[in-house]
Every structure is written in C-alpha cells, then in structure tokens.
Amino acid sequence: MSGGALGRLRRRLVAEQPVDIPDDSGGAARTFVARFSVWAQIDTLKAVPNFLASREETLFTHRIRLRSGSGVAAGWRLRQGTRVFDVLTCPPDDTARGFSTCHCREVV
C-alpha cells in the first residue's frame, strides 16, 4: 500500500464482534463486544430517506476501507463515537493492494 493510500485512512473506528448470550427461554440476546481499533476510509455511496412509524430516518450505505488483516467480517459492527456501521459484506483481504473493503449500512 502506498503512502498516499495509507494517508486516506483517517477515521479511527472500533471493530465490534457479535456475541450471542443465551437467555432463560432458550433463545439468545445479541450483543457486541469491542475487539480492536482500526484506521479506515469511509466513502458514502447512497442515502435513502425512509418513513417508519411516523418517524423519518435515513439509510446510508458506505464503503469502508481498512488495512488488510483486520479480521472484520459480515455481521460485525464498526463504531465511530455514536455512529454505528453494520458490516453487510467484507470479502477476504486483497493483500496485493493492502486493503479490505467492507460494505456497510448506517441508519440515522
């Protein structure tokens, strides 16, 4: 990865792994546990307004680039302060370019 490409990784995110905790009724409650911090580049791809139960929200889709070898996978979350990005896909690392590219969803 060239120095210029590395310079685009300006956002510090916390990678959160999903953990299912069994409950008393045989089900499970999903929670997320912070695993590590990672530098990333966030590119917004699309914003779609949505009206749900008399409430307006906007669904954003993002492409988030991380350094290769992060271990982030679909189902994880990436967090920047109060912003939460649900990882939809995160294909295997492209080690030739030094990046992993995740496609994520954020609801605001």
Protein backbone atom coordinates (compact mmCIF):
# COMPACT_ATOMS: atom_id res chain seq x y z
CA MET A 1 0.00 0.00 0.00
CA SER A 2 1.49 3.32 -0.97
CA GLY A 3 1.97 6.17 1.48
CA GLY A 4 -0.75 8.20 -0.29
CA ALA A 5 -3.27 5.38 0.09
CA LEU A 6 -2.39 4.96 3.74
CA GLY A 7 -2.98 8.69 4.26
CA ARG A 8 -6.64 8.25 3.32
CA LEU A 9 -7.24 6.03 6.36
CA ARG A 10 -8.12 8.99 8.59
CA ARG A 11 -11.04 7.68 10.65
CA ARG A 12 -10.42 5.74 13.83
CA LEU A 13 -13.09 3.05 14.23
CA VAL A 14 -13.74 0.41 16.86
CA ALA A 15 -14.44 -3.08 15.48
CA GLU A 16 -17.17 -4.88 17.44
CA GLN A 17 -17.74 -8.62 17.19
CA PRO A 18 -21.24 -10.08 17.69
CA VAL A 19 -21.73 -12.32 20.72
CA ASP A 20 -24.93 -14.28 21.40
CA ILE A 21 -25.78 -14.67 25.09
CA PRO A 22 -28.30 -17.42 25.95
CA ASP A 23 -31.42 -16.26 27.77
CA ASP A 24 -33.73 -18.18 30.15
CA SER A 25 -36.31 -19.02 27.47
CA GLY A 26 -33.99 -20.96 25.14
CA GLY A 27 -33.24 -18.02 22.85
CA ALA A 28 -30.32 -15.69 22.74
CA ALA A 29 -29.70 -11.97 23.01
CA ARG A 30 -27.14 -10.49 20.63
CA THR A 31 -24.64 -8.01 21.97
CA PHE A 32 -21.44 -6.61 20.52
CA VAL A 33 -18.01 -6.63 22.14
CA ALA A 34 -15.27 -4.16 21.18
CA ARG A 35 -12.26 -6.13 19.89
CA PHE A 36 -9.80 -3.59 18.48
CA SER A 37 -9.40 -0.17 16.87
CA VAL A 38 -8.64 0.28 13.19
CA TRP A 39 -7.91 3.21 10.89
CA ALA A 40 -10.34 3.45 7.97
CA GLN A 41 -11.53 5.44 4.99
CA ILE A 42 -15.32 5.95 4.82
CA ASP A 43 -17.00 6.67 1.47
CA THR A 44 -20.76 7.29 1.44
CA LEU A 45 -22.34 5.53 -1.53
CA LYS A 46 -26.06 6.23 -1.11
CA ALA A 47 -28.59 7.87 1.21
CA VAL A 48 -32.25 6.81 1.13
CA PRO A 49 -34.89 8.56 3.26
CA ASN A 50 -37.33 6.20 4.98
CA PHE A 51 -40.50 6.84 6.97
CA LEU A 52 -41.18 4.27 9.66
CA ALA A 53 -43.92 4.56 12.29
CA SER A 54 -44.28 8.33 11.84
CA ARG A 55 -40.54 8.75 12.16
CA GLU A 56 -38.17 9.80 9.47
CA GLU A 57 -34.83 8.08 9.22
CA THR A 58 -32.19 7.86 6.55
CA LEU A 59 -30.48 4.66 5.48
CA PHE A 60 -26.90 5.26 4.35
CA THR A 61 -24.70 2.75 2.59
CA HIS A 62 -20.96 3.13 2.86
CA ARG A 63 -17.80 1.57 1.53
CA ILE A 64 -15.27 1.36 4.36
CA ARG A 65 -11.65 0.53 3.59
CA LEU A 66 -9.42 -0.98 6.25
CA ARG A 67 -5.86 -2.25 6.17
CA SER A 68 -5.59 -5.92 5.21
CA GLY A 69 -5.59 -8.44 8.01
CA SER A 70 -8.12 -6.68 10.23
CA GLY A 71 -10.30 -9.79 10.63
CA VAL A 72 -13.57 -7.83 10.33
CA ALA A 73 -16.34 -9.96 8.79
CA ALA A 74 -20.01 -9.69 7.80
CA GLY A 75 -22.18 -9.37 10.91
CA TRP A 76 -19.64 -7.27 12.81
CA ARG A 77 -20.09 -3.58 13.56
CA LEU A 78 -17.75 -0.66 13.16
CA ARG A 79 -18.27 2.29 15.51
CA GLN A 80 -17.07 5.88 15.39
CA GLY A 81 -18.36 7.59 18.52
CA THR A 82 -22.16 7.44 18.28
CA ARG A 83 -22.12 6.37 14.62
CA VAL A 84 -22.65 2.63 14.09
CA PHE A 85 -21.93 0.90 10.78
CA ASP A 86 -23.37 -2.62 10.34
CA VAL A 87 -21.00 -4.67 8.19
CA LEU A 88 -23.01 -6.32 5.39
CA THR A 89 -20.12 -7.79 3.41
CA CYS A 90 -16.37 -7.80 3.89
CA PRO A 91 -14.73 -10.06 1.31
CA PRO A 92 -11.36 -11.66 2.00
CA ASP A 93 -8.41 -9.30 2.08
CA ASP A 94 -6.94 -8.01 -1.15
CA THR A 95 -3.36 -8.39 0.04
CA ALA A 96 -1.96 -7.25 -3.30
CA ARG A 97 -3.43 -3.79 -2.65
CA GLY A 98 -3.22 -3.92 1.14
CA PHE A 99 -6.91 -3.13 1.77
CA SER A 100 -10.06 -4.87 2.93
CA THR A 101 -13.21 -3.21 1.58
CA CYS A 102 -16.39 -3.61 3.65
CA HIS A 103 -19.87 -2.59 2.54
CA CYS A 104 -21.82 -1.22 5.49
CA ARG A 105 -25.19 0.22 6.47
CA GLU A 106 -25.85 3.11 8.85
CA VAL A 107 -29.33 4.23 9.98
CA VAL A 108 -29.65 7.85 11.14
